[in-house]
C-alpha atoms as a PDB file:
ATOM      1  CA  MET A   1     230.575 120.090 170.974  1.00  0.00           C
ATOM      2  CA  LYS A   2     227.516 121.515 171.212  1.00  0.00           C
ATOM      3  CA  ARG A   3     228.162 123.002 167.595  1.00  0.00           C
ATOM      4  CA  PHE A   4     228.495 119.912 166.005  1.00  0.00           C
ATOM      5  CA  MET A   5     225.496 118.471 167.870  1.00  0.00           C
ATOM      6  CA  GLU A   6     223.344 122.139 165.778  1.00  0.00           C
ATOM      7  CA  ILE A   7     224.477 120.648 162.951  1.00  0.00           C
ATOM      8  CA  LEU A   8     223.664 117.110 163.260  1.00  0.00           C
ATOM      9  CA  THR A   9     220.512 117.872 163.935  1.00  0.00           C
ATOM     10  CA  LEU A  10     219.866 120.350 161.174  1.00  0.00           C
ATOM     11  CA  VAL A  11     220.746 117.190 158.954  1.00  0.00           C
ATOM     12  CA  VAL A  12     218.963 115.170 160.063  1.00  0.00           C
ATOM     13  CA  VAL A  13     215.851 117.177 159.974  1.00  0.00           C
ATOM     14  CA  LEU A  14     216.245 117.879 156.838  1.00  0.00           C
ATOM     15  CA  GLY A  15     216.968 114.800 155.788  1.00  0.00           C
ATOM     16  CA  GLU A  16     213.521 113.550 157.445  1.00  0.00           C
ATOM     17  CA  ILE A  17     211.835 116.051 155.462  1.00  0.00           C
ATOM     18  CA  ALA A  18     213.676 115.694 152.174  1.00  0.00           C
ATOM     19  CA  MET A  19     212.825 111.280 152.465  1.00  0.00           C
ATOM     20  CA  ILE A  20     209.308 111.962 153.333  1.00  0.00           C
ATOM     21  CA  GLY A  21     209.169 115.003 149.760  1.00  0.00           C
ATOM     22  CA  ILE A  22     210.607 112.003 147.885  1.00  0.00           C
ATOM     23  CA  MET A  23     207.947 109.511 149.505  1.00  0.00           C
ATOM     24  CA  LEU A  24     204.953 111.292 148.904  1.00  0.00           C
ATOM     25  CA  TRP A  25     206.818 112.149 145.032  1.00  0.00           C
ATOM     26  CA  ILE A  26     207.562 108.376 143.647  1.00  0.00           C
ATOM     27  CA  TRP A  27     204.417 107.733 146.031  1.00  0.00           C
ATOM     28  CA  ARG A  28     202.428 110.442 142.923  1.00  0.00           C
ATOM     29  CA  PHE A  29     204.269 110.794 140.102  1.00  0.00           C
ATOM     30  CA  GLY A  30     206.303 107.397 140.149  1.00  0.00           C
ATOM     31  CA  ALA A  31     205.235 104.452 141.433  1.00  0.00           C
ATOM     32  CA  SER A  32     203.688 102.493 138.474  1.00  0.00           C
ATOM     33  CA  THR A  33     207.108 103.246 137.109  1.00  0.00           C
ATOM     34  CA  VAL A  34     209.588 102.968 139.371  1.00  0.00           C
ATOM     35  CA  ASP A  35     211.172  99.152 140.190  1.00  0.00           C
ATOM     36  CA  SER A  36     210.222  97.897 143.571  1.00  0.00           C
ATOM     37  CA  ASN A  37     213.863  97.217 144.663  1.00  0.00           C
ATOM     38  CA  VAL A  38     213.833 100.858 144.560  1.00  0.00           C
ATOM     39  CA  VAL A  39     210.733 101.708 145.993  1.00  0.00           C
ATOM     40  CA  ASN A  40     211.699  98.832 149.039  1.00  0.00           C
ATOM     41  CA  LEU A  41     215.440 100.834 149.217  1.00  0.00           C
ATOM     42  CA  ILE A  42     213.589 104.240 149.378  1.00  0.00           C
ATOM     43  CA  TYR A  43     211.759 102.631 151.990  1.00  0.00           C
ATOM     44  CA  GLY A  44     214.218 101.678 154.220  1.00  0.00           C
ATOM     45  CA  LEU A  45     216.088 104.381 154.417  1.00  0.00           C
ATOM     46  CA  ALA A  46     213.418 107.015 155.407  1.00  0.00           C
ATOM     47  CA  LEU A  47     212.801 104.568 157.817  1.00  0.00           C
ATOM     48  CA  GLY A  48     216.627 105.062 159.233  1.00  0.00           C
ATOM     49  CA  PHE A  49     216.125 108.353 158.829  1.00  0.00           C
ATOM     50  CA  HIS A  50     213.160 108.478 160.981  1.00  0.00           C
ATOM     51  CA  SER A  51     214.520 106.453 163.642  1.00  0.00           C
ATOM     52  CA  GLY A  52     217.170 108.816 164.127  1.00  0.00           C
ATOM     53  CA  PHE A  53     214.630 111.966 163.616  1.00  0.00           C
ATOM     54  CA  MET A  54     213.663 110.606 166.837  1.00  0.00           C
ATOM     55  CA  LEU A  55     216.763 110.117 168.293  1.00  0.00           C
ATOM     56  CA  VAL A  56     217.173 113.684 167.177  1.00  0.00           C
ATOM     57  CA  LEU A  57     213.609 114.613 169.320  1.00  0.00           C
ATOM     58  CA  GLY A  58     214.085 112.569 172.479  1.00  0.00           C
ATOM     59  CA  TYR A  59     217.857 114.324 173.095  1.00  0.00           C
ATOM     60  CA  TRP A  60     216.734 118.397 172.202  1.00  0.00           C
ATOM     61  CA  PHE A  61     213.626 117.379 173.491  1.00  0.00           C
ATOM     62  CA  GLY A  62     214.036 114.683 176.760  1.00  0.00           C
ATOM     63  CA  SER A  63     215.763 113.823 179.148  1.00  0.00           C
ATOM     64  CA  SER A  64     219.120 113.802 177.732  1.00  0.00           C
ATOM     65  CA  LYS A  65     219.083 117.834 176.989  1.00  0.00           C
ATOM     66  CA  GLY A  66     218.283 118.193 180.808  1.00  0.00           C
ATOM     67  CA  SER A  67     220.916 116.232 181.812  1.00  0.00           C
ATOM     68  CA  ALA A  68     223.628 117.845 179.857  1.00  0.00           C
ATOM     69  CA  ASP A  69     222.513 121.395 180.931  1.00  0.00           C
ATOM     70  CA  LYS A  70     222.705 120.096 184.428  1.00  0.00           C
ATOM     71  CA  ASN A  71     226.244 118.596 184.169  1.00  0.00           C
ATOM     72  CA  ALA A  72     227.729 121.377 181.900  1.00  0.00           C
ATOM     73  CA  LEU A  73     226.215 123.450 185.530  1.00  0.00           C
ATOM     74  CA  LEU A  74     227.692 121.695 188.087  1.00  0.00           C
ATOM     75  CA  SER A  75     231.392 121.816 186.121  1.00  0.00           C
ATOM     76  CA  ASN A  76     230.946 125.314 186.231  1.00  0.00           C
ATOM     77  CA  GLY A  77     230.379 125.092 189.992  1.00  0.00           C
ATOM     78  CA  ALA A  78     227.092 127.137 189.248  1.00  0.00           C
ATOM     79  CA  ALA A  79     224.282 126.282 191.259  1.00  0.00           C
ATOM     80  CA  PRO A  80     221.034 125.165 189.651  1.00  0.00           C
ATOM     81  CA  LYS A  81     217.843 127.037 190.223  1.00  0.00           C
ATOM     82  CA  PRO A  82     215.154 125.390 191.950  1.00  0.00           C
END
């Protein structure tokens, strides 16, 4: 399961970087030639990826990761470090 979470994290982070790159490319080179519906669709996708990106950051750097580590320690019978 840990490997899956790492792969999912990588996909979401790379997706966020790609979406930012696409948005910058459209803003710089194609904003006047691209249909506004396509631009709005890309911005909507970017917001979706950004939400996932924030969830990934919240898991790895927030209390969920520490809680998962604590549960793993308790299930193995190891005493947590003070």
